[in-house]
Amino acid sequence: MAIELNQPALKHARALVREGKVVRDDRDAWSEAAPTPDEENAFIEREGWTEYSHWHLGIDKSEDRQTKGAYSFPFGDFRKVHRSGVISGESRAGQHDHDEIRDALKALLDLIDEDDS
């Protein structure tokens, strides 16, 4: 399992933040804000796997790209970036030594917080 930074997803997340499509919630809110499996399935059915991938900063290229197992570190609800999702992902990435993903999420959090001031 070699999880890498998903560059297209990072570009997508930065664009959403610049457009103001951000929910500035607290860390603990992610458990409620994260899409449910049914919401994920509906999104994939409607938008496809490529769009689904754009909502995850981690990608495991050894996995089939048309499975959820290929994607990790979600940061939003398919409409907006959630600050809580970014914080949660940054913490998990750090715990599992995914330094590049952790650093990208930290920079995204800084961008969110900078835009908030």
N, C-alpha and C. Protein backbone atom coordinates (compact mmCIF):
# COMPACT_ATOMS: atom_id res chain seq x y z
N MET A 1 0.85 -1.18 0.00
CA MET A 1 0.00 0.00 0.00
C MET A 1 0.89 1.24 0.00
N ALA A 2 0.88 1.93 -1.11
CA ALA A 2 1.70 3.12 -1.26
C ALA A 2 0.79 4.32 -1.53
N ILE A 3 0.39 4.95 -0.47
CA ILE A 3 -0.51 6.10 -0.62
C ILE A 3 0.32 7.33 -0.96
N GLU A 4 -0.09 8.02 -2.02
CA GLU A 4 0.60 9.21 -2.50
C GLU A 4 -0.34 10.41 -2.44
N LEU A 5 0.25 11.58 -2.52
CA LEU A 5 -0.53 12.81 -2.60
C LEU A 5 -1.23 12.86 -3.95
N ASN A 6 -2.52 13.09 -3.93
CA ASN A 6 -3.34 13.19 -5.13
C ASN A 6 -3.34 14.66 -5.57
N GLN A 7 -2.44 14.99 -6.49
CA GLN A 7 -2.25 16.39 -6.91
C GLN A 7 -3.51 17.02 -7.48
N PRO A 8 -4.28 16.33 -8.35
CA PRO A 8 -5.51 16.96 -8.85
C PRO A 8 -6.49 17.30 -7.72
N ALA A 9 -6.54 16.47 -6.70
CA ALA A 9 -7.43 16.74 -5.56
C ALA A 9 -6.94 17.96 -4.79
N LEU A 10 -5.63 18.10 -4.65
CA LEU A 10 -5.08 19.26 -3.95
C LEU A 10 -5.42 20.55 -4.71
N LYS A 11 -5.27 20.52 -6.02
CA LYS A 11 -5.63 21.69 -6.84
C LYS A 11 -7.11 22.02 -6.70
N HIS A 12 -7.95 20.98 -6.69
CA HIS A 12 -9.39 21.16 -6.53
C HIS A 12 -9.70 21.80 -5.17
N ALA A 13 -9.07 21.29 -4.12
CA ALA A 13 -9.31 21.82 -2.77
C ALA A 13 -8.89 23.28 -2.67
N ARG A 14 -7.73 23.60 -3.20
CA ARG A 14 -7.26 25.00 -3.16
C ARG A 14 -8.22 25.93 -3.91
N ALA A 15 -8.70 25.47 -5.07
CA ALA A 15 -9.64 26.28 -5.85
C ALA A 15 -10.93 26.51 -5.07
N LEU A 16 -11.43 25.48 -4.41
CA LEU A 16 -12.65 25.63 -3.61
C LEU A 16 -12.45 26.64 -2.49
N VAL A 17 -11.31 26.57 -1.82
CA VAL A 17 -11.02 27.52 -0.73
C VAL A 17 -10.97 28.94 -1.29
N ARG A 18 -10.29 29.13 -2.41
CA ARG A 18 -10.20 30.47 -3.02
C ARG A 18 -11.58 31.00 -3.42
N GLU A 19 -12.48 30.09 -3.81
CA GLU A 19 -13.84 30.48 -4.19
C GLU A 19 -14.75 30.69 -2.98
N GLY A 20 -14.22 30.45 -1.78
CA GLY A 20 -15.01 30.62 -0.57
C GLY A 20 -15.91 29.45 -0.25
N LYS A 21 -15.70 28.33 -0.90
CA LYS A 21 -16.53 27.15 -0.68
C LYS A 21 -15.93 26.33 0.46
N VAL A 22 -16.07 26.88 1.67
CA VAL A 22 -15.46 26.31 2.87
C VAL A 22 -16.45 26.34 4.01
N VAL A 23 -16.49 25.26 4.78
CA VAL A 23 -17.23 25.24 6.04
C VAL A 23 -16.17 25.34 7.13
N ARG A 24 -16.22 26.41 7.89
CA ARG A 24 -15.22 26.65 8.94
C ARG A 24 -15.71 26.07 10.26
N ASP A 25 -15.71 24.76 10.30
CA ASP A 25 -16.18 24.05 11.48
C ASP A 25 -15.01 23.61 12.34
N ASP A 26 -15.33 23.11 13.51
CA ASP A 26 -14.31 22.64 14.45
C ASP A 26 -13.94 21.20 14.17
N ARG A 27 -12.80 20.80 14.66
CA ARG A 27 -12.24 19.48 14.42
C ARG A 27 -13.25 18.35 14.65
N ASP A 28 -13.98 18.42 15.74
CA ASP A 28 -14.88 17.33 16.10
C ASP A 28 -16.10 17.23 15.18
N ALA A 29 -16.34 18.21 14.35
CA ALA A 29 -17.51 18.21 13.48
C ALA A 29 -17.37 17.24 12.31
N TRP A 30 -16.17 16.77 12.00
CA TRP A 30 -15.97 15.95 10.82
C TRP A 30 -16.74 14.63 10.90
N SER A 31 -16.87 14.06 12.08
CA SER A 31 -17.59 12.79 12.18
C SER A 31 -19.04 12.94 11.72
N GLU A 32 -19.61 14.11 11.89
CA GLU A 32 -20.98 14.37 11.42
C GLU A 32 -20.99 14.88 9.98
N ALA A 33 -19.98 15.59 9.57
CA ALA A 33 -19.96 16.24 8.25
C ALA A 33 -19.49 15.31 7.13
N ALA A 34 -18.69 14.31 7.45
CA ALA A 34 -18.14 13.42 6.43
C ALA A 34 -19.26 12.70 5.70
N PRO A 35 -19.13 12.56 4.40
CA PRO A 35 -20.17 11.85 3.64
C PRO A 35 -20.33 10.41 4.12
N THR A 36 -21.56 9.95 4.14
CA THR A 36 -21.85 8.56 4.48
C THR A 36 -21.54 7.68 3.27
N PRO A 37 -21.41 6.39 3.49
CA PRO A 37 -21.21 5.50 2.34
C PRO A 37 -22.31 5.64 1.27
N ASP A 38 -23.55 5.82 1.70
CA ASP A 38 -24.63 6.01 0.73
C ASP A 38 -24.46 7.31 -0.05
N GLU A 39 -24.04 8.37 0.62
CA GLU A 39 -23.78 9.63 -0.07
C GLU A 39 -22.62 9.50 -1.05
N GLU A 40 -21.58 8.76 -0.64
CA GLU A 40 -20.46 8.51 -1.54
C GLU A 40 -20.92 7.74 -2.78
N ASN A 41 -21.70 6.69 -2.57
CA ASN A 41 -22.18 5.89 -3.69
C ASN A 41 -23.03 6.71 -4.65
N ALA A 42 -23.89 7.55 -4.11
CA ALA A 42 -24.74 8.40 -4.95
C ALA A 42 -23.89 9.38 -5.75
N PHE A 43 -22.87 9.95 -5.12
CA PHE A 43 -21.97 10.87 -5.81
C PHE A 43 -21.24 10.17 -6.95
N ILE A 44 -20.71 8.98 -6.67
CA ILE A 44 -20.00 8.21 -7.70
C ILE A 44 -20.94 7.89 -8.86
N GLU A 45 -22.14 7.49 -8.55
CA GLU A 45 -23.12 7.15 -9.59
C GLU A 45 -23.43 8.37 -10.46
N ARG A 46 -23.54 9.51 -9.83
CA ARG A 46 -23.90 10.75 -10.52
C ARG A 46 -22.72 11.37 -11.26
N GLU A 47 -21.55 11.41 -10.61
CA GLU A 47 -20.41 12.19 -11.12
C GLU A 47 -19.25 11.35 -11.65
N GLY A 48 -19.14 10.12 -11.20
CA GLY A 48 -18.07 9.23 -11.66
C GLY A 48 -16.86 9.20 -10.73
N TRP A 49 -15.98 8.26 -11.02
CA TRP A 49 -14.82 8.02 -10.17
C TRP A 49 -13.79 9.15 -10.18
N THR A 50 -13.62 9.80 -11.33
CA THR A 50 -12.63 10.88 -11.39
C THR A 50 -13.03 12.01 -10.45
N GLU A 51 -14.29 12.41 -10.49
CA GLU A 51 -14.76 13.47 -9.60
C GLU A 51 -14.66 13.03 -8.14
N TYR A 52 -14.99 11.77 -7.87
CA TYR A 52 -14.86 11.24 -6.52
C TYR A 52 -13.42 11.37 -6.04
N SER A 53 -12.48 11.04 -6.91
CA SER A 53 -11.07 11.10 -6.54
C SER A 53 -10.63 12.51 -6.18
N HIS A 54 -11.27 13.51 -6.77
CA HIS A 54 -10.89 14.90 -6.52
C HIS A 54 -11.26 15.37 -5.12
N TRP A 55 -11.93 14.56 -4.35
CA TRP A 55 -12.31 14.90 -2.97
C TRP A 55 -11.47 14.15 -1.95
N HIS A 56 -10.36 13.53 -2.40
CA HIS A 56 -9.49 12.74 -1.52
C HIS A 56 -8.03 13.08 -1.81
N LEU A 57 -7.30 13.48 -0.77
CA LEU A 57 -5.90 13.87 -0.99
C LEU A 57 -4.95 12.68 -1.04
N GLY A 58 -5.42 11.50 -0.68
CA GLY A 58 -4.58 10.32 -0.78
C GLY A 58 -5.06 9.40 -1.88
N ILE A 59 -4.11 8.84 -2.62
CA ILE A 59 -4.44 7.87 -3.66
C ILE A 59 -3.43 6.72 -3.59
N ASP A 60 -3.96 5.52 -3.61
CA ASP A 60 -3.12 4.32 -3.62
C ASP A 60 -3.17 3.77 -5.05
N LYS A 61 -2.12 4.00 -5.80
CA LYS A 61 -2.10 3.62 -7.21
C LYS A 61 -1.99 2.12 -7.44
N SER A 62 -1.76 1.36 -6.36
CA SER A 62 -1.75 -0.09 -6.49
C SER A 62 -3.16 -0.67 -6.42
N GLU A 63 -4.12 0.15 -6.05
CA GLU A 63 -5.53 -0.27 -5.97
C GLU A 63 -6.26 0.06 -7.27
N ASP A 64 -7.33 -0.64 -7.53
CA ASP A 64 -8.21 -0.36 -8.66
C ASP A 64 -8.81 1.04 -8.45
N ARG A 65 -8.64 1.91 -9.42
CA ARG A 65 -9.10 3.30 -9.28
C ARG A 65 -10.62 3.42 -9.31
N GLN A 66 -11.29 2.35 -9.56
CA GLN A 66 -12.75 2.37 -9.51
C GLN A 66 -13.25 1.63 -8.29
N THR A 67 -12.50 1.79 -7.19
CA THR A 67 -12.92 1.29 -5.88
C THR A 67 -12.61 2.36 -4.85
N LYS A 68 -13.41 2.39 -3.82
CA LYS A 68 -13.18 3.36 -2.75
C LYS A 68 -11.85 3.13 -2.04
N GLY A 69 -11.36 1.89 -2.08
CA GLY A 69 -10.11 1.56 -1.42
C GLY A 69 -8.90 2.29 -1.99
N ALA A 70 -9.04 2.84 -3.16
CA ALA A 70 -7.92 3.57 -3.77
C ALA A 70 -7.77 4.97 -3.21
N TYR A 71 -8.78 5.46 -2.49
CA TYR A 71 -8.80 6.87 -2.08
C TYR A 71 -8.87 7.02 -0.57
N SER A 72 -8.13 7.99 -0.05
CA SER A 72 -8.11 8.26 1.38
C SER A 72 -7.93 9.75 1.62
N PHE A 73 -8.08 10.14 2.84
CA PHE A 73 -7.94 11.53 3.27
C PHE A 73 -8.95 12.46 2.59
N PRO A 74 -10.26 12.17 2.80
CA PRO A 74 -11.29 13.07 2.28
C PRO A 74 -11.25 14.40 3.04
N PHE A 75 -11.66 15.46 2.37
CA PHE A 75 -11.59 16.79 2.99
C PHE A 75 -12.89 17.58 2.84
N GLY A 76 -13.91 16.99 2.27
CA GLY A 76 -15.14 17.75 2.07
C GLY A 76 -16.35 16.87 1.87
N ASP A 77 -17.47 17.52 1.62
CA ASP A 77 -18.76 16.84 1.51
C ASP A 77 -19.29 16.79 0.08
N PHE A 78 -18.42 16.94 -0.90
CA PHE A 78 -18.74 16.96 -2.33
C PHE A 78 -19.37 18.28 -2.77
N ARG A 79 -19.39 19.25 -1.87
CA ARG A 79 -19.84 20.60 -2.21
C ARG A 79 -18.83 21.64 -1.71
N LYS A 80 -18.36 21.43 -0.49
CA LYS A 80 -17.45 22.38 0.14
C LYS A 80 -16.35 21.64 0.88
N VAL A 81 -15.22 22.34 1.06
CA VAL A 81 -14.14 21.87 1.90
C VAL A 81 -14.57 22.09 3.35
N HIS A 82 -14.35 21.11 4.20
CA HIS A 82 -14.65 21.25 5.62
C HIS A 82 -13.33 21.39 6.38
N ARG A 83 -13.21 22.46 7.12
CA ARG A 83 -12.01 22.67 7.93
C ARG A 83 -11.77 21.45 8.83
N SER A 84 -12.86 20.90 9.37
CA SER A 84 -12.75 19.74 10.26
C SER A 84 -12.16 18.53 9.52
N GLY A 85 -12.51 18.35 8.26
CA GLY A 85 -11.96 17.25 7.48
C GLY A 85 -10.48 17.43 7.20
N VAL A 86 -10.09 18.67 6.96
CA VAL A 86 -8.67 18.97 6.73
C VAL A 86 -7.86 18.69 8.00
N ILE A 87 -8.37 19.13 9.14
CA ILE A 87 -7.67 18.90 10.42
C ILE A 87 -7.59 17.40 10.71
N SER A 88 -8.69 16.70 10.53
CA SER A 88 -8.71 15.26 10.78
C SER A 88 -7.72 14.54 9.88
N GLY A 89 -7.71 14.89 8.60
CA GLY A 89 -6.79 14.27 7.66
C GLY A 89 -5.34 14.56 7.99
N GLU A 90 -5.07 15.80 8.37
CA GLU A 90 -3.69 16.16 8.72
C GLU A 90 -3.20 15.31 9.89
N SER A 91 -4.04 15.14 10.89
CA SER A 91 -3.68 14.35 12.05
C SER A 91 -3.43 12.88 11.67
N ARG A 92 -4.33 12.30 10.90
CA ARG A 92 -4.18 10.90 10.49
C ARG A 92 -2.96 10.70 9.60
N ALA A 93 -2.73 11.64 8.69
CA ALA A 93 -1.57 11.53 7.81
C ALA A 93 -0.28 11.54 8.63
N GLY A 94 -0.22 12.41 9.62
CA GLY A 94 0.95 12.47 10.49
C GLY A 94 1.15 11.20 11.28
N GLN A 95 0.06 10.63 11.78
CA GLN A 95 0.14 9.39 12.57
C GLN A 95 0.65 8.22 11.74
N HIS A 96 0.38 8.24 10.44
CA HIS A 96 0.74 7.12 9.58
C HIS A 96 1.91 7.43 8.64
N ASP A 97 2.65 8.48 8.97
CA ASP A 97 3.87 8.84 8.24
C ASP A 97 3.66 9.14 6.76
N HIS A 98 2.54 9.74 6.45
CA HIS A 98 2.28 10.23 5.10
C HIS A 98 2.62 11.73 5.10
N ASP A 99 3.91 12.01 5.16
CA ASP A 99 4.38 13.37 5.38
C ASP A 99 3.95 14.35 4.29
N GLU A 100 3.99 13.93 3.04
CA GLU A 100 3.64 14.83 1.94
C GLU A 100 2.15 15.21 2.02
N ILE A 101 1.32 14.24 2.35
CA ILE A 101 -0.12 14.51 2.50
C ILE A 101 -0.35 15.38 3.73
N ARG A 102 0.32 15.06 4.83
CA ARG A 102 0.20 15.87 6.04
C ARG A 102 0.56 17.32 5.76
N ASP A 103 1.67 17.53 5.07
CA ASP A 103 2.13 18.89 4.77
C ASP A 103 1.16 19.62 3.84
N ALA A 104 0.59 18.90 2.87
CA ALA A 104 -0.38 19.51 1.96
C ALA A 104 -1.64 19.92 2.72
N LEU A 105 -2.07 19.08 3.64
CA LEU A 105 -3.25 19.41 4.44
C LEU A 105 -2.98 20.58 5.38
N LYS A 106 -1.78 20.64 5.94
CA LYS A 106 -1.41 21.77 6.80
C LYS A 106 -1.44 23.07 5.99
N ALA A 107 -0.89 23.04 4.78
CA ALA A 107 -0.90 24.22 3.93
C ALA A 107 -2.33 24.61 3.54
N LEU A 108 -3.18 23.61 3.32
CA LEU A 108 -4.58 23.89 3.00
C LEU A 108 -5.28 24.52 4.20
N LEU A 109 -5.00 24.01 5.39
CA LEU A 109 -5.57 24.59 6.62
C LEU A 109 -5.10 26.04 6.79
N ASP A 110 -3.83 26.28 6.53
CA ASP A 110 -3.31 27.67 6.60
C ASP A 110 -4.04 28.57 5.61
N LEU A 111 -4.30 28.07 4.42
CA LEU A 111 -5.02 28.84 3.41
C LEU A 111 -6.45 29.15 3.87
N ILE A 112 -7.09 28.16 4.47
CA ILE A 112 -8.45 28.37 5.01
C ILE A 112 -8.43 29.42 6.11
N ASP A 113 -7.50 29.28 7.04
CA ASP A 113 -7.44 30.19 8.19
C ASP A 113 -6.99 31.60 7.76
N GLU A 114 -6.12 31.68 6.78
CA GLU A 114 -5.66 32.97 6.26
C GLU A 114 -6.83 33.70 5.60
N ASP A 115 -7.62 32.96 4.85
CA ASP A 115 -8.77 33.53 4.17
C ASP A 115 -9.84 33.99 5.15
N ASP A 116 -9.84 33.39 6.33
CA ASP A 116 -10.85 33.69 7.36
C ASP A 116 -10.56 35.00 8.08
N SER A 117 -9.30 35.45 8.06
CA SER A 117 -8.94 36.63 8.85
C SER A 117 -9.18 37.92 8.11
